[in-house]
Amino acid sequence: MGISIPIASHATIVQTARSRADDIQVGKGAVMRCMLKLELDTEAGNKAISEGALPKIMQEVMDKTKPEASYFSTESGCRTAFIFFDLADPSDIPAIAEPAFSHLNARVTFTPVMNSDDLQKGLAQLG
């Protein structure tokens, strides 16, 4: 299972995500800020809309991610959601992704992202 990292194409969205001062510590490790991109299959999306299921499915994803920001648009001709959230544990990925896979035939991408504070902190470490 690979993780796609198309950071450059989403730089503007990443910069608009709400800033936070410090990483939150959960359990033994630090939380990773991620962008979840859901590209919905058009036919499956149309069916979910006509059956009234799309709002419920998206709410399920929102409840599991508790996003700091979310945006909805189109990409490559598909309905697309960009959801910015803190991934507490990589084992949460299947539960977050499965509703989009099974009900919307979506392409699902998890991408590590930074806000401007994170970028500045990282650049300062370069010397």
C-alpha atoms as a PDB file:
ATOM      1  CA  MET A   1       0.000   0.000   0.000  1.00  0.00           C
ATOM      2  CA  GLY A   2       1.663   3.242  -1.147  1.00  0.00           C
ATOM      3  CA  ILE A   3       0.915   6.789  -0.165  1.00  0.00           C
ATOM      4  CA  SER A   4       0.626   9.345  -2.955  1.00  0.00           C
ATOM      5  CA  ILE A   5       2.184  12.724  -2.106  1.00  0.00           C
ATOM      6  CA  PRO A   6       1.020  15.419  -4.568  1.00  0.00           C
ATOM      7  CA  ILE A   7       1.963  18.294  -2.211  1.00  0.00           C
ATOM      8  CA  ALA A   8       2.780  20.972  -4.804  1.00  0.00           C
ATOM      9  CA  SER A   9      -0.617  20.830  -6.507  1.00  0.00           C
ATOM     10  CA  HIS A  10      -2.387  21.543  -3.204  1.00  0.00           C
ATOM     11  CA  ALA A  11      -0.037  24.162  -1.710  1.00  0.00           C
ATOM     12  CA  THR A  12      -2.649  26.925  -1.700  1.00  0.00           C
ATOM     13  CA  ILE A  13      -5.179  24.770   0.135  1.00  0.00           C
ATOM     14  CA  VAL A  14      -2.558  23.623   2.629  1.00  0.00           C
ATOM     15  CA  GLN A  15      -1.623  27.231   3.418  1.00  0.00           C
ATOM     16  CA  THR A  16      -5.245  28.124   4.144  1.00  0.00           C
ATOM     17  CA  ALA A  17      -5.730  25.321   6.655  1.00  0.00           C
ATOM     18  CA  ARG A  18      -6.070  26.608  10.212  1.00  0.00           C
ATOM     19  CA  SER A  19      -2.706  27.016  11.944  1.00  0.00           C
ATOM     20  CA  ARG A  20      -1.910  25.431  15.272  1.00  0.00           C
ATOM     21  CA  ALA A  21       0.989  26.173  17.571  1.00  0.00           C
ATOM     22  CA  ASP A  22       2.269  22.722  18.560  1.00  0.00           C
ATOM     23  CA  ASP A  23       1.817  19.079  17.609  1.00  0.00           C
ATOM     24  CA  ILE A  24      -0.604  17.232  19.845  1.00  0.00           C
ATOM     25  CA  GLN A  25       0.848  14.217  21.622  1.00  0.00           C
ATOM     26  CA  VAL A  26      -1.335  11.121  21.558  1.00  0.00           C
ATOM     27  CA  GLY A  27      -0.283   7.887  23.194  1.00  0.00           C
ATOM     28  CA  LYS A  28       3.343   7.139  22.366  1.00  0.00           C
ATOM     29  CA  GLY A  29       3.768   9.209  19.196  1.00  0.00           C
ATOM     30  CA  ALA A  30       3.148  12.579  17.663  1.00  0.00           C
ATOM     31  CA  VAL A  31       0.075  13.228  15.569  1.00  0.00           C
ATOM     32  CA  MET A  32       0.623  13.644  11.816  1.00  0.00           C
ATOM     33  CA  ARG A  33      -1.307  16.406  10.044  1.00  0.00           C
ATOM     34  CA  CYS A  34      -2.739  14.862   6.872  1.00  0.00           C
ATOM     35  CA  MET A  35      -4.784  15.784   3.863  1.00  0.00           C
ATOM     36  CA  LEU A  36      -7.326  13.147   2.949  1.00  0.00           C
ATOM     37  CA  LYS A  37      -8.349  13.458  -0.684  1.00  0.00           C
ATOM     38  CA  LEU A  38     -11.470  11.628  -1.801  1.00  0.00           C
ATOM     39  CA  GLU A  39     -12.115  11.544  -5.554  1.00  0.00           C
ATOM     40  CA  LEU A  40     -15.610  10.156  -5.994  1.00  0.00           C
ATOM     41  CA  ASP A  41     -16.521   7.923  -8.900  1.00  0.00           C
ATOM     42  CA  THR A  42     -19.164   9.858 -10.860  1.00  0.00           C
ATOM     43  CA  GLU A  43     -21.621   6.983 -11.226  1.00  0.00           C
ATOM     44  CA  ALA A  44     -21.311   5.924  -7.574  1.00  0.00           C
ATOM     45  CA  GLY A  45     -21.572   9.574  -6.481  1.00  0.00           C
ATOM     46  CA  ASN A  46     -24.714  10.100  -8.562  1.00  0.00           C
ATOM     47  CA  LYS A  47     -26.268   6.990  -7.019  1.00  0.00           C
ATOM     48  CA  ALA A  48     -25.347   8.115  -3.482  1.00  0.00           C
ATOM     49  CA  ILE A  49     -26.912  11.525  -4.139  1.00  0.00           C
ATOM     50  CA  SER A  50     -30.127  10.109  -5.615  1.00  0.00           C
ATOM     51  CA  GLU A  51     -30.475   7.696  -2.679  1.00  0.00           C
ATOM     52  CA  GLY A  52     -29.724  10.417  -0.115  1.00  0.00           C
ATOM     53  CA  ALA A  53     -26.659   8.523   1.135  1.00  0.00           C
ATOM     54  CA  LEU A  54     -23.899  11.004   0.262  1.00  0.00           C
ATOM     55  CA  PRO A  55     -24.476  13.359   3.220  1.00  0.00           C
ATOM     56  CA  LYS A  56     -24.459  10.396   5.634  1.00  0.00           C
ATOM     57  CA  ILE A  57     -21.267   8.937   4.171  1.00  0.00           C
ATOM     58  CA  MET A  58     -19.474  12.284   4.266  1.00  0.00           C
ATOM     59  CA  GLN A  59     -20.652  12.875   7.844  1.00  0.00           C
ATOM     60  CA  GLU A  60     -19.225   9.470   8.805  1.00  0.00           C
ATOM     61  CA  VAL A  61     -15.843  10.502   7.382  1.00  0.00           C
ATOM     62  CA  MET A  62     -16.047  13.873   9.161  1.00  0.00           C
ATOM     63  CA  ASP A  63     -16.925  12.192  12.471  1.00  0.00           C
ATOM     64  CA  LYS A  64     -13.912   9.877  12.166  1.00  0.00           C
ATOM     65  CA  THR A  65     -11.423  12.589  11.150  1.00  0.00           C
ATOM     66  CA  LYS A  66     -12.690  15.606  13.120  1.00  0.00           C
ATOM     67  CA  PRO A  67     -11.095  17.879  10.493  1.00  0.00           C
ATOM     68  CA  GLU A  68      -9.513  21.237  11.158  1.00  0.00           C
ATOM     69  CA  ALA A  69     -10.596  22.224   7.629  1.00  0.00           C
ATOM     70  CA  SER A  70     -12.413  20.643   4.698  1.00  0.00           C
ATOM     71  CA  TYR A  71     -12.944  21.801   1.128  1.00  0.00           C
ATOM     72  CA  PHE A  72     -15.083  20.400  -1.667  1.00  0.00           C
ATOM     73  CA  SER A  73     -14.432  20.922  -5.356  1.00  0.00           C
ATOM     74  CA  THR A  74     -13.761  19.015  -8.547  1.00  0.00           C
ATOM     75  CA  GLU A  75     -10.513  17.488  -9.721  1.00  0.00           C
ATOM     76  CA  SER A  76      -9.972  15.552 -12.934  1.00  0.00           C
ATOM     77  CA  GLY A  77     -13.703  15.874 -13.589  1.00  0.00           C
ATOM     78  CA  CYS A  78     -14.693  14.179 -10.317  1.00  0.00           C
ATOM     79  CA  ARG A  79     -16.343  15.395  -7.132  1.00  0.00           C
ATOM     80  CA  THR A  80     -13.439  15.761  -4.731  1.00  0.00           C
ATOM     81  CA  ALA A  81     -13.123  16.394  -1.005  1.00  0.00           C
ATOM     82  CA  PHE A  82      -9.943  17.717   0.650  1.00  0.00           C
ATOM     83  CA  ILE A  83     -10.059  17.038   4.368  1.00  0.00           C
ATOM     84  CA  PHE A  84      -7.295  18.264   6.697  1.00  0.00           C
ATOM     85  CA  PHE A  85      -7.048  16.418   9.978  1.00  0.00           C
ATOM     86  CA  ASP A  86      -4.672  15.002  12.574  1.00  0.00           C
ATOM     87  CA  LEU A  87      -3.963  11.306  12.100  1.00  0.00           C
ATOM     88  CA  ALA A  88      -3.378   9.946  15.590  1.00  0.00           C
ATOM     89  CA  ASP A  89      -2.449   6.426  14.536  1.00  0.00           C
ATOM     90  CA  PRO A  90      -1.829   4.864  11.107  1.00  0.00           C
ATOM     91  CA  SER A  91      -4.100   1.983  12.103  1.00  0.00           C
ATOM     92  CA  ASP A  92      -7.005   4.479  11.828  1.00  0.00           C
ATOM     93  CA  ILE A  93      -6.561   4.653   8.037  1.00  0.00           C
ATOM     94  CA  PRO A  94      -8.769   1.664   7.106  1.00  0.00           C
ATOM     95  CA  ALA A  95     -11.717   2.863   9.206  1.00  0.00           C
ATOM     96  CA  ILE A  96     -11.437   6.365   7.727  1.00  0.00           C
ATOM     97  CA  ALA A  97     -11.066   5.244   4.108  1.00  0.00           C
ATOM     98  CA  GLU A  98     -13.465   2.302   3.928  1.00  0.00           C
ATOM     99  CA  PRO A  99     -16.769   4.243   3.644  1.00  0.00           C
ATOM    100  CA  ALA A 100     -15.415   6.096   0.601  1.00  0.00           C
ATOM    101  CA  PHE A 101     -14.060   2.899  -0.953  1.00  0.00           C
ATOM    102  CA  SER A 102     -17.107   0.730  -0.386  1.00  0.00           C
ATOM    103  CA  HIS A 103     -19.963   3.211  -0.906  1.00  0.00           C
ATOM    104  CA  LEU A 104     -18.512   5.739  -3.358  1.00  0.00           C
ATOM    105  CA  ASN A 105     -15.906   3.735  -5.290  1.00  0.00           C
ATOM    106  CA  ALA A 106     -13.597   6.657  -4.465  1.00  0.00           C
ATOM    107  CA  ARG A 107      -9.894   7.085  -5.044  1.00  0.00           C
ATOM    108  CA  VAL A 108      -8.501   7.758  -1.562  1.00  0.00           C
ATOM    109  CA  THR A 109      -5.183   9.477  -0.845  1.00  0.00           C
ATOM    110  CA  PHE A 110      -3.602  10.291   2.522  1.00  0.00           C
ATOM    111  CA  THR A 111      -0.893  12.954   2.238  1.00  0.00           C
ATOM    112  CA  PRO A 112       1.263  14.358   5.059  1.00  0.00           C
ATOM    113  CA  VAL A 113       0.997  18.165   4.979  1.00  0.00           C
ATOM    114  CA  MET A 114       2.410  21.229   6.765  1.00  0.00           C
ATOM    115  CA  ASN A 115       1.011  24.636   7.552  1.00  0.00           C
ATOM    116  CA  SER A 116       3.215  27.743   7.282  1.00  0.00           C
ATOM    117  CA  ASP A 117       4.336  27.437  10.936  1.00  0.00           C
ATOM    118  CA  ASP A 118       5.424  23.831  10.323  1.00  0.00           C
ATOM    119  CA  LEU A 119       7.302  24.883   7.178  1.00  0.00           C
ATOM    120  CA  GLN A 120       9.117  27.673   8.988  1.00  0.00           C
ATOM    121  CA  LYS A 121      10.068  25.301  11.813  1.00  0.00           C
ATOM    122  CA  GLY A 122      11.358  22.748   9.317  1.00  0.00           C
ATOM    123  CA  LEU A 123      13.318  25.295   7.300  1.00  0.00           C
ATOM    124  CA  ALA A 124      14.925  26.644  10.474  1.00  0.00           C
ATOM    125  CA  GLN A 125      16.356  23.163  11.097  1.00  0.00           C
ATOM    126  CA  LEU A 126      18.241  23.253   7.796  1.00  0.00           C
ATOM    127  CA  GLY A 127      20.923  25.483   9.292  1.00  0.00           C
END
